[in-house]
Amino acid sequence: MPKDNGLFTQLGKYYSVAFLLPASLLVGFGIGYFIDKAFGTSIFKIIFLFLGVAAGIIEVIRELSKDDGAK
């Protein structure tokens, strides 16, 4: 099946990349928040926030590097 590289396909792909980092930040913070609430601590929010940042940056790099290899 041929790849469709139309304008709307590319727009949708890059639009989703724009939401990868904020979504991973929210997920990481949410996980840390609920762990902190369960254990009565306050450090897991920060730890999982940084893990979310790292995961988001890795996913953005993976998505954008897919374009470099597709020739």
PDB file of N, CA and C in Angstrom:
ATOM      1  N   MET A   1       0.852  -1.169   0.000  1.00  0.00           N
ATOM      2  CA  MET A   1       0.000   0.000   0.000  1.00  0.00           C
ATOM      3  C   MET A   1       0.905   1.241   0.000  1.00  0.00           C
ATOM      4  N   PRO A   2       0.715   2.148  -0.933  1.00  0.00           N
ATOM      5  CA  PRO A   2       1.572   3.331  -0.990  1.00  0.00           C
ATOM      6  C   PRO A   2       1.294   4.281   0.163  1.00  0.00           C
ATOM      7  N   LYS A   3       2.375   4.971   0.562  1.00  0.00           N
ATOM      8  CA  LYS A   3       2.242   5.943   1.642  1.00  0.00           C
ATOM      9  C   LYS A   3       1.599   7.208   1.117  1.00  0.00           C
ATOM     10  N   ASP A   4       0.658   7.737   1.846  1.00  0.00           N
ATOM     11  CA  ASP A   4       0.014   8.986   1.472  1.00  0.00           C
ATOM     12  C   ASP A   4       0.749  10.128   2.172  1.00  0.00           C
ATOM     13  N   ASN A   5       1.430  10.942   1.406  1.00  0.00           N
ATOM     14  CA  ASN A   5       2.164  12.073   1.969  1.00  0.00           C
ATOM     15  C   ASN A   5       1.463  13.384   1.659  1.00  0.00           C
ATOM     16  N   GLY A   6       0.149  13.376   1.775  1.00  0.00           N
ATOM     17  CA  GLY A   6      -0.608  14.577   1.515  1.00  0.00           C
ATOM     18  C   GLY A   6      -0.411  15.612   2.610  1.00  0.00           C
ATOM     19  N   LEU A   7      -0.905  16.773   2.346  1.00  0.00           N
ATOM     20  CA  LEU A   7      -0.755  17.891   3.267  1.00  0.00           C
ATOM     21  C   LEU A   7      -1.405  17.596   4.618  1.00  0.00           C
ATOM     22  N   PHE A   8      -2.599  17.042   4.602  1.00  0.00           N
ATOM     23  CA  PHE A   8      -3.300  16.783   5.860  1.00  0.00           C
ATOM     24  C   PHE A   8      -2.644  15.653   6.657  1.00  0.00           C
ATOM     25  N   THR A   9      -2.057  14.695   5.977  1.00  0.00           N
ATOM     26  CA  THR A   9      -1.353  13.617   6.659  1.00  0.00           C
ATOM     27  C   THR A   9      -0.130  14.157   7.383  1.00  0.00           C
ATOM     28  N   GLN A  10       0.641  14.985   6.698  1.00  0.00           N
ATOM     29  CA  GLN A  10       1.822  15.576   7.325  1.00  0.00           C
ATOM     30  C   GLN A  10       1.432  16.535   8.438  1.00  0.00           C
ATOM     31  N   LEU A  11       0.388  17.297   8.227  1.00  0.00           N
ATOM     32  CA  LEU A  11      -0.083  18.222   9.251  1.00  0.00           C
ATOM     33  C   LEU A  11      -0.516  17.471  10.502  1.00  0.00           C
ATOM     34  N   GLY A  12      -1.216  16.376  10.343  1.00  0.00           N
ATOM     35  CA  GLY A  12      -1.647  15.576  11.485  1.00  0.00           C
ATOM     36  C   GLY A  12      -0.473  14.951  12.220  1.00  0.00           C
ATOM     37  N   LYS A  13       0.531  14.531  11.469  1.00  0.00           N
ATOM     38  CA  LYS A  13       1.706  13.916  12.089  1.00  0.00           C
ATOM     39  C   LYS A  13       2.453  14.931  12.946  1.00  0.00           C
ATOM     40  N   TYR A  14       2.708  16.116  12.409  1.00  0.00           N
ATOM     41  CA  TYR A  14       3.451  17.116  13.163  1.00  0.00           C
ATOM     42  C   TYR A  14       2.607  17.758  14.259  1.00  0.00           C
ATOM     43  N   TYR A  15       1.318  17.758  14.078  1.00  0.00           N
ATOM     44  CA  TYR A  15       0.427  18.256  15.122  1.00  0.00           C
ATOM     45  C   TYR A  15       0.455  17.322  16.333  1.00  0.00           C
ATOM     46  N   SER A  16       0.547  16.035  16.081  1.00  0.00           N
ATOM     47  CA  SER A  16       0.634  15.086  17.188  1.00  0.00           C
ATOM     48  C   SER A  16       1.985  15.177  17.894  1.00  0.00           C
ATOM     49  N   VAL A  17       3.047  15.493  17.159  1.00  0.00           N
ATOM     50  CA  VAL A  17       4.364  15.657  17.761  1.00  0.00           C
ATOM     51  C   VAL A  17       4.342  16.837  18.736  1.00  0.00           C
ATOM     52  N   ALA A  18       3.585  17.866  18.415  1.00  0.00           N
ATOM     53  CA  ALA A  18       3.515  19.043  19.278  1.00  0.00           C
ATOM     54  C   ALA A  18       2.882  18.716  20.626  1.00  0.00           C
ATOM     55  N   PHE A  19       2.077  17.670  20.692  1.00  0.00           N
ATOM     56  CA  PHE A  19       1.418  17.310  21.943  1.00  0.00           C
ATOM     57  C   PHE A  19       2.116  16.192  22.706  1.00  0.00           C
ATOM     58  N   LEU A  20       3.173  15.624  22.146  1.00  0.00           N
ATOM     59  CA  LEU A  20       3.871  14.533  22.830  1.00  0.00           C
ATOM     60  C   LEU A  20       4.517  14.986  24.138  1.00  0.00           C
ATOM     61  N   LEU A  21       5.241  16.081  24.100  1.00  0.00           N
ATOM     62  CA  LEU A  21       5.959  16.529  25.293  1.00  0.00           C
ATOM     63  C   LEU A  21       5.005  16.980  26.402  1.00  0.00           C
ATOM     64  N   PRO A  22       4.009  17.837  26.121  1.00  0.00           N
ATOM     65  CA  PRO A  22       3.089  18.203  27.211  1.00  0.00           C
ATOM     66  C   PRO A  22       2.299  17.016  27.766  1.00  0.00           C
ATOM     67  N   ALA A  23       1.931  16.081  26.906  1.00  0.00           N
ATOM     68  CA  ALA A  23       1.185  14.910  27.383  1.00  0.00           C
ATOM     69  C   ALA A  23       2.048  14.048  28.288  1.00  0.00           C
ATOM     70  N   SER A  24       3.311  13.857  27.918  1.00  0.00           N
ATOM     71  CA  SER A  24       4.183  13.044  28.757  1.00  0.00           C
ATOM     72  C   SER A  24       4.488  13.737  30.078  1.00  0.00           C
ATOM     73  N   LEU A  25       4.562  15.069  30.068  1.00  0.00           N
ATOM     74  CA  LEU A  25       4.732  15.817  31.313  1.00  0.00           C
ATOM     75  C   LEU A  25       3.547  15.600  32.251  1.00  0.00           C
ATOM     76  N   LEU A  26       2.355  15.701  31.709  1.00  0.00           N
ATOM     77  CA  LEU A  26       1.158  15.518  32.529  1.00  0.00           C
ATOM     78  C   LEU A  26       1.044  14.103  33.072  1.00  0.00           C
ATOM     79  N   VAL A  27       1.361  13.134  32.252  1.00  0.00           N
ATOM     80  CA  VAL A  27       1.287  11.739  32.702  1.00  0.00           C
ATOM     81  C   VAL A  27       2.317  11.478  33.796  1.00  0.00           C
ATOM     82  N   GLY A  28       3.542  11.957  33.603  1.00  0.00           N
ATOM     83  CA  GLY A  28       4.572  11.773  34.615  1.00  0.00           C
ATOM     84  C   GLY A  28       4.221  12.448  35.926  1.00  0.00           C
ATOM     85  N   PHE A  29       3.722  13.680  35.840  1.00  0.00           N
ATOM     86  CA  PHE A  29       3.325  14.386  37.056  1.00  0.00           C
ATOM     87  C   PHE A  29       2.149  13.699  37.735  1.00  0.00           C
ATOM     88  N   GLY A  30       1.194  13.222  36.944  1.00  0.00           N
ATOM     89  CA  GLY A  30       0.034  12.532  37.512  1.00  0.00           C
ATOM     90  C   GLY A  30       0.408  11.262  38.242  1.00  0.00           C
ATOM     91  N   ILE A  31       1.308  10.492  37.657  1.00  0.00           N
ATOM     92  CA  ILE A  31       1.766   9.267  38.317  1.00  0.00           C
ATOM     93  C   ILE A  31       2.470   9.604  39.622  1.00  0.00           C
ATOM     94  N   GLY A  32       3.357  10.613  39.572  1.00  0.00           N
ATOM     95  CA  GLY A  32       4.059  11.031  40.784  1.00  0.00           C
ATOM     96  C   GLY A  32       3.124  11.572  41.850  1.00  0.00           C
ATOM     97  N   TYR A  33       2.100  12.287  41.419  1.00  0.00           N
ATOM     98  CA  TYR A  33       1.129  12.840  42.367  1.00  0.00           C
ATOM     99  C   TYR A  33       0.401  11.726  43.110  1.00  0.00           C
ATOM    100  N   PHE A  34      -0.056  10.722  42.376  1.00  0.00           N
ATOM    101  CA  PHE A  34      -0.802   9.644  43.028  1.00  0.00           C
ATOM    102  C   PHE A  34       0.099   8.769  43.911  1.00  0.00           C
ATOM    103  N   ILE A  35       1.350   8.593  43.515  1.00  0.00           N
ATOM    104  CA  ILE A  35       2.274   7.850  44.375  1.00  0.00           C
ATOM    105  C   ILE A  35       2.552   8.645  45.644  1.00  0.00           C
ATOM    106  N   ASP A  36       2.757   9.960  45.502  1.00  0.00           N
ATOM    107  CA  ASP A  36       2.969  10.808  46.675  1.00  0.00           C
ATOM    108  C   ASP A  36       1.763  10.773  47.605  1.00  0.00           C
ATOM    109  N   LYS A  37       0.596  10.795  47.027  1.00  0.00           N
ATOM    110  CA  LYS A  37      -0.615  10.764  47.850  1.00  0.00           C
ATOM    111  C   LYS A  37      -0.741   9.428  48.589  1.00  0.00           C
ATOM    112  N   ALA A  38      -0.348   8.349  47.939  1.00  0.00           N
ATOM    113  CA  ALA A  38      -0.450   7.023  48.552  1.00  0.00           C
ATOM    114  C   ALA A  38       0.555   6.836  49.683  1.00  0.00           C
ATOM    115  N   PHE A  39       1.759   7.379  49.520  1.00  0.00           N
ATOM    116  CA  PHE A  39       2.809   7.173  50.513  1.00  0.00           C
ATOM    117  C   PHE A  39       3.028   8.365  51.433  1.00  0.00           C
ATOM    118  N   GLY A  40       2.344   9.470  51.195  1.00  0.00           N
ATOM    119  CA  GLY A  40       2.485  10.640  52.046  1.00  0.00           C
ATOM    120  C   GLY A  40       3.817  11.363  51.882  1.00  0.00           C
ATOM    121  N   THR A  41       4.397  11.281  50.691  1.00  0.00           N
ATOM    122  CA  THR A  41       5.663  11.955  50.420  1.00  0.00           C
ATOM    123  C   THR A  41       5.423  13.120  49.472  1.00  0.00           C
ATOM    124  N   SER A  42       6.514  13.787  49.080  1.00  0.00           N
ATOM    125  CA  SER A  42       6.363  14.872  48.105  1.00  0.00           C
ATOM    126  C   SER A  42       7.484  14.875  47.068  1.00  0.00           C
ATOM    127  N   ILE A  43       8.260  13.827  46.977  1.00  0.00           N
ATOM    128  CA  ILE A  43       9.390  13.788  46.055  1.00  0.00           C
ATOM    129  C   ILE A  43       9.057  13.111  44.723  1.00  0.00           C
ATOM    130  N   PHE A  44       8.087  12.212  44.732  1.00  0.00           N
ATOM    131  CA  PHE A  44       7.802  11.443  43.527  1.00  0.00           C
ATOM    132  C   PHE A  44       7.227  12.300  42.402  1.00  0.00           C
ATOM    133  N   LYS A  45       6.547  13.396  42.734  1.00  0.00           N
ATOM    134  CA  LYS A  45       6.047  14.303  41.695  1.00  0.00           C
ATOM    135  C   LYS A  45       7.200  14.834  40.862  1.00  0.00           C
ATOM    136  N   ILE A  46       8.259  15.241  41.532  1.00  0.00           N
ATOM    137  CA  ILE A  46       9.406  15.806  40.837  1.00  0.00           C
ATOM    138  C   ILE A  46      10.136  14.733  40.030  1.00  0.00           C
ATOM    139  N   ILE A  47      10.311  13.563  40.630  1.00  0.00           N
ATOM    140  CA  ILE A  47      11.017  12.473  39.941  1.00  0.00           C
ATOM    141  C   ILE A  47      10.270  12.071  38.673  1.00  0.00           C
ATOM    142  N   PHE A  48       8.974  11.843  38.798  1.00  0.00           N
ATOM    143  CA  PHE A  48       8.211  11.412  37.638  1.00  0.00           C
ATOM    144  C   PHE A  48       7.992  12.540  36.639  1.00  0.00           C
ATOM    145  N   LEU A  49       8.040  13.783  37.087  1.00  0.00           N
ATOM    146  CA  LEU A  49       7.987  14.902  36.154  1.00  0.00           C
ATOM    147  C   LEU A  49       9.216  14.889  35.255  1.00  0.00           C
ATOM    148  N   PHE A  50      10.405  14.682  35.846  1.00  0.00           N
ATOM    149  CA  PHE A  50      11.623  14.606  35.048  1.00  0.00           C
ATOM    150  C   PHE A  50      11.629  13.370  34.147  1.00  0.00           C
ATOM    151  N   LEU A  51      11.090  12.260  34.638  1.00  0.00           N
ATOM    152  CA  LEU A  51      10.977  11.069  33.788  1.00  0.00           C
ATOM    153  C   LEU A  51      10.033  11.323  32.613  1.00  0.00           C
ATOM    154  N   GLY A  52       8.968  12.079  32.859  1.00  0.00           N
ATOM    155  CA  GLY A  52       8.046  12.444  31.785  1.00  0.00           C
ATOM    156  C   GLY A  52       8.703  13.344  30.757  1.00  0.00           C
ATOM    157  N   VAL A  53       9.529  14.277  31.214  1.00  0.00           N
ATOM    158  CA  VAL A  53      10.258  15.142  30.283  1.00  0.00           C
ATOM    159  C   VAL A  53      11.190  14.307  29.417  1.00  0.00           C
ATOM    160  N   ALA A  54      11.922  13.405  30.050  1.00  0.00           N
ATOM    161  CA  ALA A  54      12.852  12.551  29.296  1.00  0.00           C
ATOM    162  C   ALA A  54      12.110  11.677  28.296  1.00  0.00           C
ATOM    163  N   ALA A  55      11.010  11.088  28.714  1.00  0.00           N
ATOM    164  CA  ALA A  55      10.238  10.238  27.804  1.00  0.00           C
ATOM    165  C   ALA A  55       9.660  11.055  26.650  1.00  0.00           C
ATOM    166  N   GLY A  56       9.193  12.252  26.941  1.00  0.00           N
ATOM    167  CA  GLY A  56       8.646  13.107  25.891  1.00  0.00           C
ATOM    168  C   GLY A  56       9.692  13.516  24.877  1.00  0.00           C
ATOM    169  N   ILE A  57      10.880  13.874  25.343  1.00  0.00           N
ATOM    170  CA  ILE A  57      11.946  14.266  24.421  1.00  0.00           C
ATOM    171  C   ILE A  57      12.383  13.081  23.565  1.00  0.00           C
ATOM    172  N   ILE A  58      12.470  11.915  24.166  1.00  0.00           N
ATOM    173  CA  ILE A  58      12.847  10.716  23.404  1.00  0.00           C
ATOM    174  C   ILE A  58      11.812  10.415  22.324  1.00  0.00           C
ATOM    175  N   GLU A  59      10.545  10.521  22.659  1.00  0.00           N
ATOM    176  CA  GLU A  59       9.497  10.241  21.678  1.00  0.00           C
ATOM    177  C   GLU A  59       9.468  11.273  20.560  1.00  0.00           C
ATOM    178  N   VAL A  60       9.708  12.547  20.885  1.00  0.00           N
ATOM    179  CA  VAL A  60       9.761  13.583  19.847  1.00  0.00           C
ATOM    180  C   VAL A  60      10.924  13.297  18.901  1.00  0.00           C
ATOM    181  N   ILE A  61      12.074  12.930  19.448  1.00  0.00           N
ATOM    182  CA  ILE A  61      13.227  12.610  18.604  1.00  0.00           C
ATOM    183  C   ILE A  61      12.935  11.387  17.733  1.00  0.00           C
ATOM    184  N   ARG A  62      12.290  10.382  18.284  1.00  0.00           N
ATOM    185  CA  ARG A  62      11.942   9.191  17.493  1.00  0.00           C
ATOM    186  C   ARG A  62      10.991   9.535  16.352  1.00  0.00           C
ATOM    187  N   GLU A  63       9.976  10.331  16.646  1.00  0.00           N
ATOM    188  CA  GLU A  63       9.004  10.700  15.613  1.00  0.00           C
ATOM    189  C   GLU A  63       9.649  11.521  14.506  1.00  0.00           C
ATOM    190  N   LEU A  64      10.491  12.462  14.886  1.00  0.00           N
ATOM    191  CA  LEU A  64      11.110  13.320  13.897  1.00  0.00           C
ATOM    192  C   LEU A  64      12.199  12.599  13.122  1.00  0.00           C
ATOM    193  N   SER A  65      12.839  11.607  13.721  1.00  0.00           N
ATOM    194  CA  SER A  65      13.864  10.858  12.999  1.00  0.00           C
ATOM    195  C   SER A  65      13.257   9.880  12.000  1.00  0.00           C
ATOM    196  N   LYS A  66      11.989   9.548  12.149  1.00  0.00           N
ATOM    197  CA  LYS A  66      11.321   8.699  11.163  1.00  0.00           C
ATOM    198  C   LYS A  66      11.282   9.400   9.808  1.00  0.00           C
ATOM    199  N   ASP A  67      11.173  10.723   9.809  1.00  0.00           N
ATOM    200  CA  ASP A  67      11.139  11.467   8.555  1.00  0.00           C
ATOM    201  C   ASP A  67      12.483  11.461   7.857  1.00  0.00           C
ATOM    202  N   ASP A  68      13.562  11.445   8.614  1.00  0.00           N
ATOM    203  CA  ASP A  68      14.887  11.488   8.006  1.00  0.00           C
ATOM    204  C   ASP A  68      15.200  10.209   7.231  1.00  0.00           C
ATOM    205  N   GLY A  69      14.726   9.079   7.734  1.00  0.00           N
ATOM    206  CA  GLY A  69      15.037   7.802   7.091  1.00  0.00           C
ATOM    207  C   GLY A  69      14.107   7.434   5.948  1.00  0.00           C
ATOM    208  N   ALA A  70      12.984   8.098   5.814  1.00  0.00           N
ATOM    209  CA  ALA A  70      12.003   7.754   4.789  1.00  0.00           C
ATOM    210  C   ALA A  70      12.315   8.475   3.485  1.00  0.00           C
ATOM    211  N   LYS A  71      13.068   7.801   2.596  1.00  0.00           N
ATOM    212  CA  LYS A  71      13.399   8.399   1.290  1.00  0.00           C
ATOM    213  C   LYS A  71      12.953   7.509   0.167  1.00  0.00           C
TER     214      LYS A  71
END
